[in-house]
C-alpha cells in the first residue's frame, strides 16, 4: 500500500475511534432518559434544546462514521481514490484534505453547480 494512502487510512481509523469514544460518553452519561425537574420553564426548554442539538450532532457523526467505514473498505479493496462519477483518479491532495470523498474536484464542482441550479 502506498505510504500516503496508508497515512490516510490511519487518519480515518483514528477519526473513527475518536467518534466512537465520544458516542460512548454520550450514551453512558450525556443523554439521560429520565426527566429532570426544572423549577423554571426556561431552564427546561433550554435543557431540551441542548438535548436536541446533541442528538442532531450525533446523527451527523453517525453519517460520518458510515463514510469513514466506506472509505476504509475502498482502501482495502483497492478502489480508494477513484472518482465514482468519471472514473478518474482523485488527487492525493484532495484525499488528504477530505479522505471520505468519492468525487474528484471537477465532478464535485459540477455537482455543486447542479445543486445551485435546483434551488
Foldseek 3Di string as FASTA:
>chain_A
DDPLLVVLLVVLVVLLVVLVVVVVCCVVPVDDPDDDDDPDVVVSVVVVVVVVVVVVVNVVSVVVSVLSVVLNVCSVVVNQQAAPPPRHGADSVVCSVPVSDRHHPVVVVVVVVVVVVVD
